[in-house]
Amino acid sequence: MAVRETVQVGDLKLKAKNAPVTDFDSRKVKKVIADLIETMRSEQLIGMAAPQIGENFQIFATEPRKTIFRSGVFDPLRIFINPKIVDSSKELVVAYEGCGSVVRAQLFGPVRRSRVITVKALDEKGQGFKLTGDGILARVIQHEYDHLQGIEFTEKIDDYRKLVSTEIYREKIRNSPKQLKAAEITVCKVERLS
């Protein structure tokens, strides 16, 4: 395992096509997953996609938890390989997001996303699963899934005048009732697929 440099906006690796994983026993894939987790945790992020560490595979990790950027809403570490969002609610929620690949998570902005999503994916052993979730879990899955499509969160912001620094986010937004409500996880259903 190694902490990797987080690829920053403007690097073509963030816009490149990401290959599906077919060999779950490959050393390369195992190393990418281990490095992804190590880097995500080192950078105090709650999610990270393989392109963000310079690897163009359809892999991302999520781990909502208390960090320097987020209040404490928890969900265990999850690995998503070859994911596909198969359903998303029409109800949208606006909440502030940041990204390790955008000025090293020093910029936050309001992003409108589906409140509830369902994603199908494979775990690190190649076992299929379907997850339905809301709150910060749904938000981070959509954010990381966007990375696999070459989309940065800044491309989803309606009003750039609402972008804020990390300091302003921490002081005025992070613990606001609206932000906390948007983060709350009330739905998390995981089903194993054969």
Protein backbone atom coordinates (compact mmCIF):
# COMPACT_ATOMS: atom_id res chain seq x y z
CA MET A 1 0.00 0.00 0.00
CA ALA A 2 1.13 3.51 -0.77
CA VAL A 3 -0.23 7.01 -0.53
CA ARG A 4 -0.33 8.36 -4.07
CA GLU A 5 -0.31 11.91 -5.34
CA THR A 6 -3.90 13.04 -5.96
CA VAL A 7 -4.36 13.96 -9.62
CA GLN A 8 -5.61 17.56 -10.00
CA VAL A 9 -8.10 19.11 -12.42
CA GLY A 10 -6.58 19.79 -15.79
CA ASP A 11 -4.78 16.42 -15.86
CA LEU A 12 -6.10 14.37 -18.78
CA LYS A 13 -6.22 11.23 -16.61
CA LEU A 14 -9.37 12.66 -15.01
CA LYS A 15 -11.06 12.83 -18.42
CA ALA A 16 -9.75 9.55 -19.90
CA LYS A 17 -11.87 6.47 -20.50
CA ASN A 18 -11.79 4.09 -17.54
CA ALA A 19 -11.42 0.37 -18.24
CA PRO A 20 -13.70 -2.19 -16.61
CA VAL A 21 -12.01 -4.65 -14.27
CA THR A 22 -12.03 -8.25 -15.52
CA ASP A 23 -9.27 -9.90 -13.44
CA PHE A 24 -9.98 -9.50 -9.74
CA ASP A 25 -6.90 -11.54 -8.79
CA SER A 26 -4.46 -9.32 -10.66
CA ARG A 27 -1.73 -7.72 -8.57
CA LYS A 28 -2.32 -4.44 -10.39
CA VAL A 29 -6.01 -4.27 -9.43
CA LYS A 30 -5.29 -5.24 -5.82
CA LYS A 31 -2.58 -2.56 -5.61
CA VAL A 32 -4.88 0.09 -7.11
CA ILE A 33 -7.56 -0.73 -4.51
CA ALA A 34 -5.08 -0.72 -1.60
CA ASP A 35 -3.49 2.55 -2.74
CA LEU A 36 -6.91 4.12 -3.33
CA ILE A 37 -7.98 3.36 0.25
CA GLU A 38 -4.66 4.51 1.72
CA THR A 39 -4.70 7.77 -0.28
CA MET A 40 -8.37 8.50 0.49
CA ARG A 41 -7.74 8.10 4.21
CA SER A 42 -4.47 10.04 4.16
CA GLU A 43 -6.15 12.94 2.35
CA GLN A 44 -9.10 12.93 4.80
CA LEU A 45 -11.59 12.23 2.00
CA ILE A 46 -14.80 10.17 2.24
CA GLY A 47 -14.56 8.84 -1.30
CA MET A 48 -12.03 8.50 -4.07
CA ALA A 49 -12.00 7.11 -7.62
CA ALA A 50 -9.12 5.33 -9.35
CA PRO A 51 -8.54 8.14 -11.91
CA GLN A 52 -7.76 10.44 -8.96
CA ILE A 53 -4.62 8.38 -8.27
CA GLY A 54 -3.78 8.18 -11.98
CA GLU A 55 -5.28 4.74 -12.63
CA ASN A 56 -7.95 4.55 -15.31
CA PHE A 57 -10.03 1.68 -13.97
CA GLN A 58 -13.74 1.63 -13.09
CA ILE A 59 -13.09 1.50 -9.35
CA PHE A 60 -13.98 3.80 -6.49
CA ALA A 61 -14.06 3.62 -2.70
CA THR A 62 -16.39 5.28 -0.20
CA GLU A 63 -16.10 5.66 3.56
CA PRO A 64 -18.29 8.42 5.02
CA ARG A 65 -16.81 9.30 8.41
CA LYS A 66 -15.69 12.28 10.43
CA THR A 67 -12.81 14.07 8.71
CA ILE A 68 -11.38 17.57 8.77
CA PHE A 69 -13.97 18.39 6.07
CA ARG A 70 -17.03 16.47 7.30
CA SER A 71 -19.05 15.98 10.44
CA GLY A 72 -19.55 12.45 11.72
CA VAL A 73 -22.00 10.51 9.56
CA PHE A 74 -20.67 6.98 9.26
CA ASP A 75 -20.83 4.17 6.71
CA PRO A 76 -18.19 1.42 6.43
CA LEU A 77 -15.53 1.24 3.76
CA ARG A 78 -17.02 0.04 0.48
CA ILE A 79 -15.31 -0.76 -2.82
CA PHE A 80 -17.29 -0.33 -6.06
CA ILE A 81 -15.94 -1.98 -9.21
CA ASN A 82 -17.56 -1.61 -12.64
CA PRO A 83 -20.44 0.31 -10.99
CA LYS A 84 -23.67 1.33 -12.66
CA ILE A 85 -26.27 3.64 -11.12
CA VAL A 86 -29.51 1.86 -12.02
CA ASP A 87 -32.03 4.10 -10.29
CA SER A 88 -32.10 7.60 -8.85
CA SER A 89 -34.88 9.55 -7.19
CA LYS A 90 -36.48 12.50 -8.90
CA GLU A 91 -36.22 14.31 -5.58
CA LEU A 92 -33.01 16.34 -5.64
CA VAL A 93 -31.05 17.77 -2.74
CA VAL A 94 -28.54 20.61 -2.88
CA ALA A 95 -25.51 20.31 -0.59
CA TYR A 96 -21.94 21.55 -0.61
CA GLU A 97 -19.20 19.25 -1.90
CA GLY A 98 -15.46 19.39 -2.26
CA CYS A 99 -13.00 17.14 -4.07
CA GLY A 100 -9.42 16.07 -3.53
CA SER A 101 -8.79 16.68 -7.23
CA VAL A 102 -10.04 20.28 -7.13
CA VAL A 103 -7.42 22.42 -5.42
CA ARG A 104 -6.77 19.57 -2.96
CA ALA A 105 -10.26 19.89 -1.43
CA GLN A 106 -9.79 23.59 -0.71
CA LEU A 107 -12.88 24.65 -2.68
CA PHE A 108 -16.51 23.75 -1.94
CA GLY A 109 -19.67 24.40 -3.92
CA PRO A 110 -23.37 23.54 -3.95
CA VAL A 111 -24.28 20.53 -6.10
CA ARG A 112 -27.78 19.24 -6.84
CA ARG A 113 -27.99 15.43 -6.69
CA SER A 114 -30.62 12.71 -6.35
CA ARG A 115 -31.60 12.14 -2.73
CA VAL A 116 -31.75 8.32 -3.13
CA ILE A 117 -29.83 6.16 -5.59
CA THR A 118 -29.44 2.47 -6.36
CA VAL A 119 -26.11 1.24 -7.68
CA LYS A 120 -25.02 -2.20 -8.86
CA ALA A 121 -21.34 -3.04 -8.64
CA LEU A 122 -18.80 -5.71 -7.83
CA ASP A 123 -16.70 -5.77 -4.67
CA GLU A 124 -12.94 -6.42 -4.56
CA LYS A 125 -13.56 -10.19 -4.74
CA GLY A 126 -15.77 -9.88 -7.83
CA GLN A 127 -18.99 -10.52 -5.87
CA GLY A 128 -21.95 -8.55 -7.22
CA PHE A 129 -24.07 -6.36 -4.97
CA LYS A 130 -26.82 -3.79 -5.19
CA LEU A 131 -26.90 -0.86 -2.78
CA THR A 132 -29.72 1.62 -2.24
CA GLY A 133 -28.78 4.62 -0.13
CA ASP A 134 -29.46 8.25 0.62
CA GLY A 135 -27.76 11.15 2.40
CA ILE A 136 -24.00 11.49 2.20
CA LEU A 137 -23.73 7.87 1.03
CA ALA A 138 -25.82 8.58 -2.09
CA ARG A 139 -23.97 11.85 -2.65
CA VAL A 140 -20.46 10.37 -2.43
CA ILE A 141 -21.43 7.45 -4.69
CA GLN A 142 -22.76 9.88 -7.32
CA HIS A 143 -19.68 12.08 -6.96
CA GLU A 144 -17.23 9.18 -7.40
CA TYR A 145 -19.32 7.65 -10.19
CA ASP A 146 -19.06 10.99 -11.99
CA HIS A 147 -15.25 10.70 -11.79
CA LEU A 148 -15.49 7.43 -13.74
CA GLN A 149 -17.44 9.36 -16.41
CA GLY A 150 -14.81 12.12 -16.52
CA ILE A 151 -17.03 14.65 -14.71
CA GLU A 152 -15.83 16.96 -11.92
CA PHE A 153 -18.24 18.28 -9.30
CA THR A 154 -17.51 21.85 -10.43
CA GLU A 155 -19.22 21.04 -13.75
CA LYS A 156 -22.48 20.51 -11.82
CA ILE A 157 -22.51 23.83 -9.97
CA ASP A 158 -25.27 26.18 -11.11
CA ASP A 159 -23.91 29.37 -9.56
CA TYR A 160 -20.15 29.82 -9.28
CA ARG A 161 -20.68 32.83 -6.99
CA LYS A 162 -21.56 30.30 -4.27
CA LEU A 163 -18.13 28.62 -4.32
CA VAL A 164 -16.38 28.94 -0.96
CA SER A 165 -12.99 28.20 0.56
CA THR A 166 -12.49 25.38 3.03
CA GLU A 167 -12.31 27.92 5.84
CA ILE A 168 -15.72 29.43 4.99
CA TYR A 169 -17.19 25.95 4.47
CA ARG A 170 -15.99 24.81 7.91
CA GLU A 171 -17.09 27.99 9.70
CA LYS A 172 -20.48 28.60 8.10
CA ILE A 173 -21.72 25.60 6.12
CA ARG A 174 -20.41 22.25 7.39
CA ASN A 175 -22.61 22.14 10.50
CA SER A 176 -25.55 24.14 9.14
CA PRO A 177 -28.96 22.44 9.54
CA LYS A 178 -29.36 22.17 5.75
CA GLN A 179 -25.94 20.53 5.24
CA LEU A 180 -26.42 18.15 8.18
CA LYS A 181 -29.89 17.15 6.96
CA ALA A 182 -28.54 16.46 3.45
CA ALA A 183 -25.81 14.23 4.93
CA GLU A 184 -28.07 12.13 7.14
CA ILE A 185 -28.23 8.47 6.05
CA THR A 186 -31.72 7.05 6.61
CA VAL A 187 -31.62 4.41 3.86
CA CYS A 188 -28.83 1.89 3.33
CA LYS A 189 -29.91 -1.44 1.92
CA VAL A 190 -27.30 -3.83 0.52
CA GLU A 191 -28.25 -6.96 -1.38
CA ARG A 192 -25.79 -9.59 -2.63
CA LEU A 193 -26.25 -10.57 -6.26
CA SER A 194 -25.40 -13.97 -7.70
